[in-house]
Amino acid sequence: MNRHEVFETLKRYHALTGKVMTSEQMILAVGNTSPVELIRGIRMFDKYLDLQRGGAA
């Protein structure tokens, strides 16, 4: 997966459940994603959540 796919996976889970994935769920969901792409996707998701909560990204 690339960072955009990681981001979309996290975003979709959040939209369906209203929760953020646990570390264990994330590891299972992203498979063999490189650590760099995983971290970049997580950062994108963090910025997205900040904007959703009315904060500055």
Protein backbone atom coordinates (compact mmCIF):
# COMPACT_ATOMS: atom_id res chain seq x y z
CA MET A 1 0.00 0.00 0.00
CA ASN A 2 1.05 3.55 -0.53
CA ARG A 3 0.34 6.39 1.90
CA HIS A 4 -2.93 7.31 0.18
CA GLU A 5 -4.23 3.76 0.47
CA VAL A 6 -3.24 3.64 4.15
CA PHE A 7 -5.02 6.96 4.70
CA GLU A 8 -8.17 5.77 2.92
CA THR A 9 -8.17 2.53 4.94
CA LEU A 10 -7.97 4.46 8.21
CA LYS A 11 -10.54 7.01 7.06
CA ARG A 12 -13.00 4.33 5.92
CA TYR A 13 -12.71 2.47 9.24
CA HIS A 14 -13.26 5.70 11.16
CA ALA A 15 -16.31 6.58 9.05
CA LEU A 16 -17.86 3.14 9.63
CA THR A 17 -17.11 2.79 13.34
CA GLY A 18 -16.48 6.28 14.70
CA LYS A 19 -13.24 4.91 16.17
CA VAL A 20 -9.56 4.96 15.30
CA MET A 21 -7.98 1.60 14.48
CA THR A 22 -5.85 -0.02 17.13
CA SER A 23 -2.25 -0.85 16.30
CA GLU A 24 -3.14 -4.51 15.91
CA GLN A 25 -6.03 -3.76 13.53
CA MET A 26 -3.81 -1.47 11.48
CA ILE A 27 -1.06 -4.07 11.13
CA LEU A 28 -3.60 -6.61 9.88
CA ALA A 29 -5.22 -4.12 7.51
CA VAL A 30 -2.09 -2.77 5.81
CA GLY A 31 -0.20 -6.02 5.30
CA ASN A 32 3.36 -5.61 4.03
CA THR A 33 3.26 -1.83 3.65
CA SER A 34 6.64 -0.18 4.01
CA PRO A 35 7.13 1.60 7.34
CA VAL A 36 7.70 4.93 5.56
CA GLU A 37 4.41 4.73 3.66
CA LEU A 38 2.60 3.57 6.80
CA ILE A 39 3.85 6.53 8.81
CA ARG A 40 3.02 8.97 6.01
CA GLY A 41 -0.51 7.56 5.76
CA ILE A 42 -0.98 7.81 9.52
CA ARG A 43 0.19 11.43 9.46
CA MET A 44 -2.27 12.23 6.68
CA PHE A 45 -5.03 10.66 8.76
CA ASP A 46 -3.99 12.62 11.85
CA LYS A 47 -4.24 15.88 9.87
CA TYR A 48 -7.63 14.79 8.56
CA LEU A 49 -8.87 14.15 12.11
CA ASP A 50 -7.54 17.52 13.26
CA LEU A 51 -9.52 19.25 10.51
CA GLN A 52 -12.65 17.23 11.34
CA ARG A 53 -12.39 18.32 14.95
CA GLY A 54 -12.05 21.96 13.96
CA GLY A 55 -8.35 22.25 14.65
CA ALA A 56 -5.54 23.47 12.46
CA ALA A 57 -3.67 20.92 10.40
